[in-house]
Amino acid sequence: MNFFASPEALVALVILIAGGSIFLSPRARTAEAFFAGADESGNAPGLLTLVFSQVTTWIFARSLLTAAILGYYYGVAGALAYTAYYMSFLTGMVIVSRLRNRGARSLQDWLRQDYGRIGVLCYNTVITLRLMSEIFANLIVVGLVFTAAFGGAEQAGQLAMIALALVALAYSALGGLRASLRTDVAQMALFLIVFLIAFAVMVSSADFSFGTVLTASGISGGFNGWVLFAVALLQITSYPAHDPVMMDRGFLTDEVTTKRAFLHAFWVSTLCIFGFALFGVQAGVVGAELVNGQLLGTWQQMFGPFVYFLIVASLLISAMSTLDSALSSAARLAIDEMKIGARSVANGRITMAVFMLGGVLFLLAETKDLFAAVAVSGTASMFLAPVLVLGLGFGQRLPLWSYLVSFAAAVTGAVGYFYQSSDLIISLFGNGHKYERLFFICLAVLFIGFTAGLIGIALRRRVAEV
């Protein structure tokens, strides 16, 4: 077992994952394979491929580690708070179904019909930042893992981030969405194996009790965990719509298969993310302290080298899977939706390289707050809540000015949370915990967006009656 405690074990694992991903990646020879994921015969992906691809792109490194950290600090409330975001598969399924019923082939397609180029530009801006933030956040986890493995040497973490970024870019550029879908299946299967082994070892240990874990309040008490749970409930209406990976997979095959894929992805991902969060809850239950401010070193001391290796393997596998999915969605966004170049494999590969560079540049921000990426992008996405509820739900198209007011409110709220410790934000939303301020920011964004939408609809009706 001593091998699993060595940095060489992680290096070997990365080489294995990288080599396997490159080996499994088919070379895309047509634009349809690269951008739409069709196989050599032009067939759409099947149910298992869609389910595993959906799950592995949501059970990614940033999510896994964030869920565990929230479980450590806030107990089962923190675990449930992050798990609540996975109800986005259900709201996402409804959004995709409504869009397809209206004849749209993407969310941008529908927005273009109702809000023109400006409406699509607002949406594309948000999801561009979302994709780059996903690349950035997953690379951070890779860096944390290797920094911890090499005794706190930050250079090791930096080299690991660059290496995995280049590997993910290489095989993603080789096969596009087709490569992403194919490797997602293998990566998800491997993730399930290592995760279930680690989970089984944890729950079979003498100091583990489901009764204790499921009632734990964490080392900081459960209150802020429940606040985050409320935030998740406020955001899940719009959250899936600003995830281009989920939206892309809603239009790859027939509607029946798509609905089944969303439903299966919901329960599989929910169990996985909640189960992983329990690693953090258990650390809080046994009174373990953070090592160098990180949960990774804590797990190493708690579970020993073999289980710790499996936990870290789960993080690295999920990081690789998310990177390739983000890159394939970035290529489709830039070429199919933004029309910045001809629909060719070469242009798709160039786009991937640009987005990867953008995600790497985000690392210069030097932030280690993994939940911040969720909170900021989730808040920015909330401009879509009144658009989706009133537009797709009740068939009431908002005037463009209402759409733009909602967009401005959401972006302002996202920026406000990013600077939530400033005197201005504290004066507006209170000096409580930052998650309380996030909750009030979300309420304000929704209030402004829905108010602007309802007023706009009412004014248009009055004008029509005159």
Protein backbone atom coordinates (compact mmCIF):
# COMPACT_ATOMS: atom_id res chain seq x y z
CA MET A 1 0.00 0.00 0.00
CA ASN A 2 3.00 2.32 0.38
CA PHE A 3 3.03 2.91 -3.37
CA PHE A 4 -0.38 4.61 -3.12
CA ALA A 5 1.05 7.15 -0.67
CA SER A 6 3.73 8.26 -3.12
CA PRO A 7 3.49 11.11 -5.64
CA GLU A 8 4.57 8.63 -8.30
CA ALA A 9 1.22 6.86 -7.91
CA LEU A 10 -0.62 10.02 -8.95
CA VAL A 11 1.74 10.59 -11.86
CA ALA A 12 1.15 7.02 -13.02
CA LEU A 13 -2.60 7.51 -12.70
CA VAL A 14 -2.54 10.67 -14.80
CA ILE A 15 -0.45 8.94 -17.47
CA LEU A 16 -2.94 6.05 -17.50
CA ILE A 17 -5.98 8.34 -17.78
CA ALA A 18 -4.32 10.51 -20.40
CA GLY A 19 -3.16 7.57 -22.48
CA GLY A 20 -6.51 5.85 -22.26
CA SER A 21 -8.40 9.01 -23.23
CA ILE A 22 -6.19 9.61 -26.26
CA PHE A 23 -6.45 5.94 -27.28
CA LEU A 24 -10.27 5.97 -27.05
CA SER A 25 -10.68 9.27 -28.89
CA PRO A 26 -11.75 8.76 -32.49
CA ARG A 27 -10.41 11.22 -35.03
CA ALA A 28 -13.24 13.43 -36.27
CA ARG A 29 -13.19 13.60 -40.04
CA THR A 30 -16.45 15.48 -40.53
CA ALA A 31 -17.96 18.61 -38.97
CA GLU A 32 -21.01 16.60 -37.91
CA ALA A 33 -18.86 14.24 -35.85
CA PHE A 34 -16.85 17.09 -34.35
CA PHE A 35 -19.75 19.39 -33.43
CA ALA A 36 -22.75 17.03 -33.08
CA GLY A 37 -21.13 13.82 -31.81
CA ALA A 38 -22.39 11.57 -34.62
CA ASP A 39 -20.54 8.30 -35.23
CA GLU A 40 -19.03 7.14 -38.52
CA SER A 41 -22.47 6.15 -39.81
CA GLY A 42 -24.08 9.43 -38.76
CA ASN A 43 -25.96 7.87 -35.83
CA ALA A 44 -26.79 9.89 -32.70
CA PRO A 45 -25.44 8.76 -29.31
CA GLY A 46 -27.47 6.16 -27.36
CA LEU A 47 -29.07 6.30 -23.92
CA LEU A 48 -26.11 4.99 -21.89
CA THR A 49 -23.70 7.36 -23.61
CA LEU A 50 -25.95 10.35 -22.93
CA VAL A 51 -26.53 9.40 -19.29
CA PHE A 52 -22.86 8.82 -18.52
CA SER A 53 -21.86 11.95 -20.42
CA GLN A 54 -24.40 14.08 -18.54
CA VAL A 55 -23.41 12.68 -15.17
CA THR A 56 -19.65 12.83 -15.58
CA THR A 57 -19.79 16.43 -16.77
CA TRP A 58 -21.70 17.40 -13.63
CA ILE A 59 -19.85 15.12 -11.20
CA PHE A 60 -16.65 16.98 -11.90
CA ALA A 61 -13.64 17.75 -9.74
CA ARG A 62 -14.77 21.19 -8.61
CA SER A 63 -18.22 19.89 -7.69
CA LEU A 64 -16.91 16.86 -5.81
CA LEU A 65 -14.47 18.83 -3.71
CA THR A 66 -16.92 21.68 -3.10
CA ALA A 67 -19.63 19.27 -1.94
CA ALA A 68 -17.20 17.62 0.48
CA ILE A 69 -16.00 20.98 1.83
CA LEU A 70 -19.57 22.15 2.41
CA GLY A 71 -20.28 18.84 4.16
CA TYR A 72 -17.24 19.32 6.38
CA TYR A 73 -18.24 22.82 7.47
CA TYR A 74 -22.04 22.55 7.52
CA GLY A 75 -22.76 18.85 7.89
CA VAL A 76 -25.65 17.21 6.11
CA ALA A 77 -27.15 20.65 5.40
CA GLY A 78 -24.07 21.56 3.37
CA ALA A 79 -24.18 18.22 1.56
CA LEU A 80 -27.84 18.69 0.69
CA ALA A 81 -27.24 22.30 -0.36
CA TYR A 82 -24.86 21.29 -3.13
CA THR A 83 -26.88 18.21 -4.00
CA ALA A 84 -29.93 20.44 -4.56
CA TYR A 85 -28.25 21.91 -7.65
CA TYR A 86 -28.63 18.49 -9.29
CA MET A 87 -32.37 19.05 -9.52
CA SER A 88 -31.23 21.12 -12.48
CA PHE A 89 -31.49 17.90 -14.49
CA LEU A 90 -35.25 18.00 -13.93
CA THR A 91 -35.67 21.68 -14.72
CA GLY A 92 -33.26 21.27 -17.62
CA MET A 93 -35.37 18.42 -18.99
CA VAL A 94 -38.44 20.68 -18.93
CA ILE A 95 -36.56 23.53 -20.63
CA VAL A 96 -35.26 21.28 -23.41
CA SER A 97 -38.70 19.73 -23.93
CA ARG A 98 -40.38 23.15 -24.24
CA LEU A 99 -37.69 24.36 -26.64
CA ARG A 100 -38.03 21.30 -28.84
CA ASN A 101 -41.82 21.63 -28.87
CA ARG A 102 -41.35 25.15 -30.22
CA GLY A 103 -39.10 23.87 -32.98
CA ALA A 104 -35.90 25.34 -31.53
CA ARG A 105 -32.64 23.45 -31.89
CA SER A 106 -30.90 25.30 -29.05
CA LEU A 107 -31.67 27.90 -26.41
CA GLN A 108 -29.96 30.51 -28.60
CA ASP A 109 -32.30 29.57 -31.43
CA TRP A 110 -35.33 30.44 -29.30
CA LEU A 111 -33.77 33.60 -27.84
CA ARG A 112 -32.90 34.76 -31.35
CA GLN A 113 -36.54 34.45 -32.40
CA ASP A 114 -37.87 36.49 -29.47
CA TYR A 115 -35.02 38.85 -28.52
CA GLY A 116 -32.83 39.11 -31.59
CA ARG A 117 -29.07 39.43 -31.69
CA ILE A 118 -28.85 41.47 -28.49
CA GLY A 119 -30.69 38.80 -26.50
CA VAL A 120 -28.43 36.07 -27.84
CA LEU A 121 -25.33 38.18 -27.20
CA CYS A 122 -26.26 38.57 -23.52
CA TYR A 123 -26.74 34.82 -23.16
CA ASN A 124 -23.59 33.89 -25.06
CA THR A 125 -21.55 36.26 -22.89
CA VAL A 126 -22.71 34.51 -19.72
CA ILE A 127 -22.07 30.99 -20.98
CA THR A 128 -18.68 31.95 -22.40
CA LEU A 129 -17.62 32.99 -18.91
CA ARG A 130 -19.25 29.84 -17.54
CA LEU A 131 -17.17 27.58 -19.81
CA MET A 132 -13.92 29.35 -18.99
CA SER A 133 -14.70 29.26 -15.27
CA GLU A 134 -15.30 25.49 -15.49
CA ILE A 135 -11.89 24.99 -17.08
CA PHE A 136 -10.31 27.21 -14.45
CA ALA A 137 -12.07 25.59 -11.46
CA ASN A 138 -11.20 22.03 -12.46
CA LEU A 139 -7.58 22.92 -13.09
CA ILE A 140 -7.45 24.44 -9.60
CA VAL A 141 -8.47 21.08 -8.11
CA VAL A 142 -5.75 19.34 -10.13
CA GLY A 143 -3.26 21.86 -8.80
CA LEU A 144 -4.39 21.35 -5.21
CA VAL A 145 -4.08 17.57 -5.52
CA PHE A 146 -0.53 17.63 -6.86
CA THR A 147 0.61 20.41 -4.57
CA ALA A 148 -0.50 18.30 -1.60
CA ALA A 149 1.06 15.16 -3.06
CA PHE A 150 4.45 16.83 -3.44
CA GLY A 151 4.60 18.21 0.07
CA GLY A 152 3.17 21.64 -0.63
CA ALA A 153 5.33 22.38 -3.67
CA GLU A 154 3.22 24.77 -5.74
CA GLN A 155 5.41 24.22 -8.79
CA ALA A 156 4.23 20.59 -8.90
CA GLY A 157 0.62 21.74 -8.91
CA GLN A 158 1.30 24.28 -11.65
CA LEU A 159 3.03 21.71 -13.84
CA ALA A 160 0.18 19.25 -13.30
CA MET A 161 -2.40 21.86 -14.34
CA ILE A 162 -0.51 22.64 -17.53
CA ALA A 163 0.02 18.95 -18.33
CA LEU A 164 -3.64 17.98 -17.91
CA ALA A 165 -4.78 21.06 -19.80
CA LEU A 166 -2.59 20.07 -22.76
CA VAL A 167 -3.69 16.43 -22.67
CA ALA A 168 -7.39 17.35 -22.52
CA LEU A 169 -6.92 19.82 -25.36
CA ALA A 170 -5.06 17.22 -27.44
CA TYR A 171 -7.67 14.47 -27.43
CA SER A 172 -10.60 16.92 -27.46
CA ALA A 173 -9.21 18.61 -30.55
CA LEU A 174 -8.66 15.19 -32.11
CA GLY A 175 -12.28 14.11 -32.00
CA GLY A 176 -14.48 17.01 -30.84
CA LEU A 177 -17.83 16.12 -29.29
CA ARG A 178 -17.55 12.54 -30.57
CA ALA A 179 -14.35 12.08 -28.58
CA SER A 180 -15.89 13.74 -25.53
CA LEU A 181 -18.90 11.41 -25.56
CA ARG A 182 -16.80 8.30 -26.05
CA THR A 183 -14.28 9.11 -23.33
CA ASP A 184 -17.07 10.23 -20.99
CA VAL A 185 -18.42 6.67 -20.94
CA ALA A 186 -15.05 5.15 -20.05
CA GLN A 187 -14.19 7.89 -17.55
CA MET A 188 -17.57 7.59 -15.83
CA ALA A 189 -17.28 3.82 -15.55
CA LEU A 190 -13.82 4.20 -14.02
CA PHE A 191 -15.05 6.92 -11.68
CA LEU A 192 -17.90 4.73 -10.41
CA ILE A 193 -15.51 1.87 -9.68
CA VAL A 194 -13.00 3.89 -7.67
CA PHE A 195 -15.68 5.98 -5.94
CA LEU A 196 -17.75 2.97 -4.86
CA ILE A 197 -14.68 1.17 -3.50
CA ALA A 198 -13.67 4.23 -1.48
CA PHE A 199 -17.22 4.77 -0.26
CA ALA A 200 -17.58 1.12 0.77
CA VAL A 201 -14.36 1.30 2.78
CA MET A 202 -15.51 4.47 4.53
CA VAL A 203 -18.96 3.19 5.54
CA SER A 204 -17.53 -0.13 6.73
CA SER A 205 -15.03 1.53 9.06
CA ALA A 206 -15.60 1.27 12.82
CA ASP A 207 -16.01 5.02 13.38
CA PHE A 208 -18.68 5.51 10.67
CA SER A 209 -22.39 5.66 11.47
CA PHE A 210 -25.10 6.65 9.00
CA GLY A 211 -27.23 7.92 11.87
CA THR A 212 -24.46 10.22 13.04
CA VAL A 213 -23.46 11.41 9.57
CA LEU A 214 -27.02 12.12 8.42
CA THR A 215 -27.70 14.28 11.48
CA ALA A 216 -24.29 15.99 11.64
CA SER A 217 -24.20 19.78 11.74
CA GLY A 218 -20.57 20.18 10.63
CA ILE A 219 -17.78 22.02 12.37
CA SER A 220 -19.45 25.41 11.78
CA GLY A 221 -23.08 24.45 12.41
CA GLY A 222 -25.73 23.72 9.82
CA PHE A 223 -27.40 27.15 9.50
CA ASN A 224 -25.36 28.46 6.57
CA GLY A 225 -25.77 25.10 4.86
CA TRP A 226 -29.53 25.58 4.90
CA VAL A 227 -29.04 29.13 3.58
CA LEU A 228 -27.13 27.66 0.64
CA PHE A 229 -29.89 25.10 0.17
CA ALA A 230 -32.34 27.99 -0.21
CA VAL A 231 -29.96 29.67 -2.69
CA ALA A 232 -29.86 26.48 -4.77
CA LEU A 233 -33.66 26.37 -4.88
CA LEU A 234 -33.70 29.98 -6.12
CA GLN A 235 -31.15 29.25 -8.85
CA ILE A 236 -32.15 25.85 -10.26
CA THR A 237 -34.81 27.30 -12.56
CA SER A 238 -32.17 29.10 -14.61
CA TYR A 239 -29.00 27.21 -13.67
CA PRO A 240 -29.29 24.40 -16.26
CA ALA A 241 -30.01 26.89 -19.04
CA HIS A 242 -26.62 28.53 -18.61
CA ASP A 243 -24.79 25.20 -18.74
CA PRO A 244 -24.02 24.73 -22.46
CA VAL A 245 -22.85 21.15 -21.89
CA MET A 246 -26.26 20.11 -20.54
CA MET A 247 -28.13 22.12 -23.16
CA ASP A 248 -26.03 20.69 -26.00
CA ARG A 249 -26.84 17.14 -24.92
CA GLY A 250 -30.53 17.96 -24.95
CA PHE A 251 -30.56 18.11 -28.75
CA LEU A 252 -28.34 15.22 -29.86
CA THR A 253 -30.97 12.50 -30.21
CA ASP A 254 -34.74 11.92 -30.20
CA GLU A 255 -36.93 13.47 -27.49
CA VAL A 256 -37.89 10.22 -25.74
CA THR A 257 -34.29 9.12 -25.33
CA THR A 258 -33.33 12.62 -24.22
CA LYS A 259 -35.97 12.70 -21.46
CA ARG A 260 -34.91 9.27 -20.20
CA ALA A 261 -31.27 10.39 -20.20
CA PHE A 262 -32.08 13.46 -18.11
CA LEU A 263 -34.08 11.44 -15.58
CA HIS A 264 -31.40 8.77 -15.17
CA ALA A 265 -28.67 11.40 -15.00
CA PHE A 266 -30.60 13.12 -12.20
CA TRP A 267 -30.73 10.17 -9.79
CA VAL A 268 -27.26 8.84 -10.62
CA SER A 269 -25.56 12.22 -10.20
CA THR A 270 -27.58 13.02 -7.07
CA LEU A 271 -26.45 9.83 -5.35
CA CYS A 272 -22.84 10.35 -6.43
CA ILE A 273 -22.52 13.96 -5.31
CA PHE A 274 -24.29 13.35 -1.99
CA GLY A 275 -22.19 10.24 -1.39
CA PHE A 276 -18.98 12.15 -2.06
CA ALA A 277 -20.11 14.98 0.21
CA LEU A 278 -20.31 12.43 3.04
CA PHE A 279 -16.51 12.11 2.91
CA GLY A 280 -16.44 15.71 4.09
CA VAL A 281 -19.22 15.21 6.64
CA GLN A 282 -17.37 12.23 8.10
CA ALA A 283 -14.21 14.31 8.45
CA GLY A 284 -16.18 16.79 10.53
CA VAL A 285 -17.82 14.04 12.59
CA VAL A 286 -14.51 12.53 13.69
CA GLY A 287 -13.18 15.98 14.50
CA ALA A 288 -10.43 15.97 11.91
CA GLU A 289 -8.72 19.31 11.29
CA LEU A 290 -7.77 20.71 7.90
CA VAL A 291 -4.17 20.11 6.87
CA ASN A 292 -2.61 23.28 5.43
CA GLY A 293 -6.12 24.66 5.09
CA GLN A 294 -7.19 21.86 2.72
CA LEU A 295 -9.43 18.83 3.08
CA LEU A 296 -7.14 16.66 0.93
CA GLY A 297 -4.48 16.26 3.61
CA THR A 298 -7.21 15.57 6.17
CA TRP A 299 -8.51 12.65 4.12
CA GLN A 300 -5.00 11.29 3.76
CA GLN A 301 -4.63 11.11 7.52
CA MET A 302 -8.17 9.76 8.07
CA PHE A 303 -8.44 7.03 5.48
CA GLY A 304 -4.88 5.98 4.78
CA PRO A 305 -3.04 5.90 1.45
CA PHE A 306 -5.21 3.47 -0.52
CA VAL A 307 -8.61 5.10 0.08
CA TYR A 308 -7.08 8.55 -0.26
CA PHE A 309 -5.64 7.49 -3.62
CA LEU A 310 -9.10 6.38 -4.74
CA ILE A 311 -10.65 9.69 -3.66
CA VAL A 312 -8.01 11.65 -5.52
CA ALA A 313 -8.41 9.38 -8.54
CA SER A 314 -12.11 10.27 -8.57
CA LEU A 315 -11.22 13.97 -8.64
CA LEU A 316 -8.66 13.63 -11.44
CA ILE A 317 -10.91 11.44 -13.62
CA SER A 318 -13.80 13.86 -13.26
CA ALA A 319 -11.54 16.84 -13.98
CA MET A 320 -10.39 15.33 -17.26
CA SER A 321 -13.94 14.52 -18.30
CA THR A 322 -15.19 18.02 -17.59
CA LEU A 323 -12.37 19.67 -19.49
CA ASP A 324 -13.12 17.79 -22.72
CA SER A 325 -16.86 18.46 -22.43
CA ALA A 326 -16.30 22.16 -21.83
CA LEU A 327 -14.02 22.37 -24.85
CA SER A 328 -16.46 20.58 -27.17
CA SER A 329 -19.29 22.89 -26.05
CA ALA A 330 -17.02 25.90 -26.51
CA ALA A 331 -16.36 24.87 -30.11
CA ARG A 332 -20.08 24.47 -30.83
CA LEU A 333 -20.87 27.79 -29.15
CA ALA A 334 -18.31 29.74 -31.15
CA ILE A 335 -18.89 28.10 -34.53
CA ASP A 336 -22.54 26.99 -34.58
CA GLU A 337 -24.08 29.74 -32.47
CA MET A 338 -21.78 32.77 -32.63
CA LYS A 339 -20.81 32.08 -36.26
CA ILE A 340 -17.26 33.38 -35.81
CA GLY A 341 -15.96 31.03 -38.48
CA ALA A 342 -16.90 28.37 -41.01
CA ARG A 343 -18.20 25.07 -39.63
CA SER A 344 -15.00 23.09 -40.02
CA VAL A 345 -12.97 20.77 -37.82
CA ALA A 346 -9.98 23.13 -38.06
CA ASN A 347 -11.95 26.10 -36.76
CA GLY A 348 -13.37 23.97 -33.95
CA ARG A 349 -9.86 23.03 -32.86
CA ILE A 350 -8.71 26.64 -32.89
CA THR A 351 -11.69 27.60 -30.74
CA MET A 352 -10.84 24.89 -28.21
CA ALA A 353 -7.30 26.22 -27.90
CA VAL A 354 -8.55 29.77 -27.33
CA PHE A 355 -11.00 28.70 -24.62
CA MET A 356 -8.40 26.56 -22.88
CA LEU A 357 -6.06 29.56 -22.85
CA GLY A 358 -8.85 31.70 -21.41
CA GLY A 359 -9.49 29.19 -18.64
CA VAL A 360 -5.79 29.04 -17.81
CA LEU A 361 -5.62 32.84 -17.66
CA PHE A 362 -8.43 32.77 -15.07
CA LEU A 363 -5.88 31.09 -12.79
CA LEU A 364 -4.12 34.43 -12.48
CA ALA A 365 -6.97 35.53 -10.21
CA GLU A 366 -5.36 33.27 -7.57
CA THR A 367 -8.65 32.38 -5.90
CA LYS A 368 -9.10 29.07 -4.07
CA ASP A 369 -12.80 29.55 -3.29
CA LEU A 370 -14.29 26.75 -5.39
CA PHE A 371 -17.91 27.60 -4.55
CA ALA A 372 -17.39 31.18 -5.76
CA ALA A 373 -17.48 29.97 -9.38
CA VAL A 374 -20.85 28.28 -8.75
CA ALA A 375 -22.27 31.29 -6.92
CA VAL A 376 -21.13 33.91 -9.41
CA SER A 377 -22.15 32.04 -12.56
CA GLY A 378 -25.37 30.81 -10.94
CA THR A 379 -26.31 34.37 -9.98
CA ALA A 380 -25.50 35.67 -13.47
CA SER A 381 -27.72 32.97 -14.97
CA MET A 382 -30.73 34.19 -12.99
CA PHE A 383 -31.58 36.77 -15.67
CA LEU A 384 -33.02 33.78 -17.51
CA ALA A 385 -35.48 32.89 -14.72
CA PRO A 386 -38.24 35.37 -15.73
CA VAL A 387 -37.48 34.72 -19.41
CA LEU A 388 -37.96 30.97 -18.99
CA VAL A 389 -40.88 31.03 -16.54
CA LEU A 390 -42.90 33.76 -18.25
CA GLY A 391 -41.75 32.93 -21.79
CA LEU A 392 -41.45 29.14 -22.04
CA GLY A 393 -43.76 28.46 -19.10
CA PHE A 394 -46.65 30.85 -19.75
CA GLY A 395 -46.04 31.81 -23.36
CA GLN A 396 -45.58 35.50 -22.55
CA ARG A 397 -42.70 37.06 -24.46
CA LEU A 398 -40.93 39.77 -22.51
CA PRO A 399 -40.17 43.08 -24.22
CA LEU A 400 -36.49 43.49 -25.00
CA TRP A 401 -36.08 46.22 -22.39
CA SER A 402 -37.40 43.87 -19.69
CA TYR A 403 -34.95 41.20 -20.82
CA LEU A 404 -32.07 43.66 -20.62
CA VAL A 405 -33.12 44.92 -17.17
CA SER A 406 -33.15 41.32 -15.92
CA PHE A 407 -29.74 40.73 -17.49
CA ALA A 408 -28.27 43.89 -15.93
CA ALA A 409 -29.66 42.96 -12.51
CA ALA A 410 -28.22 39.45 -12.65
CA VAL A 411 -24.76 40.54 -13.81
CA THR A 412 -24.72 43.26 -11.15
CA GLY A 413 -25.69 40.66 -8.56
CA ALA A 414 -22.93 38.31 -9.71
CA VAL A 415 -20.33 41.10 -9.51
CA GLY A 416 -21.78 42.10 -6.16
CA TYR A 417 -21.23 38.62 -4.73
CA PHE A 418 -17.70 38.52 -6.11
CA TYR A 419 -17.07 41.67 -4.05
CA GLN A 420 -19.37 40.61 -1.23
CA SER A 421 -16.91 41.67 1.48
CA SER A 422 -16.86 45.30 0.30
CA ASP A 423 -18.41 48.04 2.42
CA LEU A 424 -21.01 48.80 -0.26
CA ILE A 425 -22.33 45.23 -0.49
CA ILE A 426 -22.33 44.84 3.30
CA SER A 427 -24.30 48.10 3.65
CA LEU A 428 -26.87 46.84 1.14
CA PHE A 429 -27.20 43.18 2.16
CA GLY A 430 -26.05 43.07 5.78
CA ASN A 431 -22.92 42.03 7.62
CA GLY A 432 -23.93 38.42 8.18
CA HIS A 433 -22.21 35.43 6.61
CA LYS A 434 -21.36 35.74 2.91
CA TYR A 435 -23.91 33.06 2.06
CA GLU A 436 -26.64 35.13 3.68
CA ARG A 437 -25.63 38.04 1.46
CA LEU A 438 -25.73 35.71 -1.53
CA PHE A 439 -29.29 34.69 -0.62
CA PHE A 440 -30.45 38.31 -0.43
CA ILE A 441 -28.65 39.15 -3.69
CA CYS A 442 -30.49 36.30 -5.42
CA LEU A 443 -33.83 37.49 -4.05
CA ALA A 444 -33.11 41.01 -5.31
CA VAL A 445 -32.13 39.75 -8.78
CA LEU A 446 -35.31 37.69 -9.08
CA PHE A 447 -37.49 40.51 -7.80
CA ILE A 448 -36.08 43.00 -10.30
CA GLY A 449 -36.19 40.53 -13.19
CA PHE A 450 -39.76 39.34 -12.64
CA THR A 451 -40.99 42.86 -11.89
CA ALA A 452 -39.49 44.18 -15.12
CA GLY A 453 -40.93 41.24 -17.02
CA LEU A 454 -44.46 41.57 -15.64
CA ILE A 455 -44.49 45.34 -16.13
CA GLY A 456 -43.26 44.93 -19.69
CA ILE A 457 -45.93 42.35 -20.51
CA ALA A 458 -48.65 44.51 -18.94
CA LEU A 459 -47.56 47.62 -20.86
CA ARG A 460 -47.48 45.75 -24.15
CA ARG A 461 -50.99 44.45 -23.55
CA ARG A 462 -52.23 47.95 -22.76
CA VAL A 463 -50.67 49.32 -25.94
CA ALA A 464 -52.24 46.50 -27.95
CA GLU A 465 -55.67 47.31 -26.53
CA VAL A 466 -55.49 50.98 -27.49
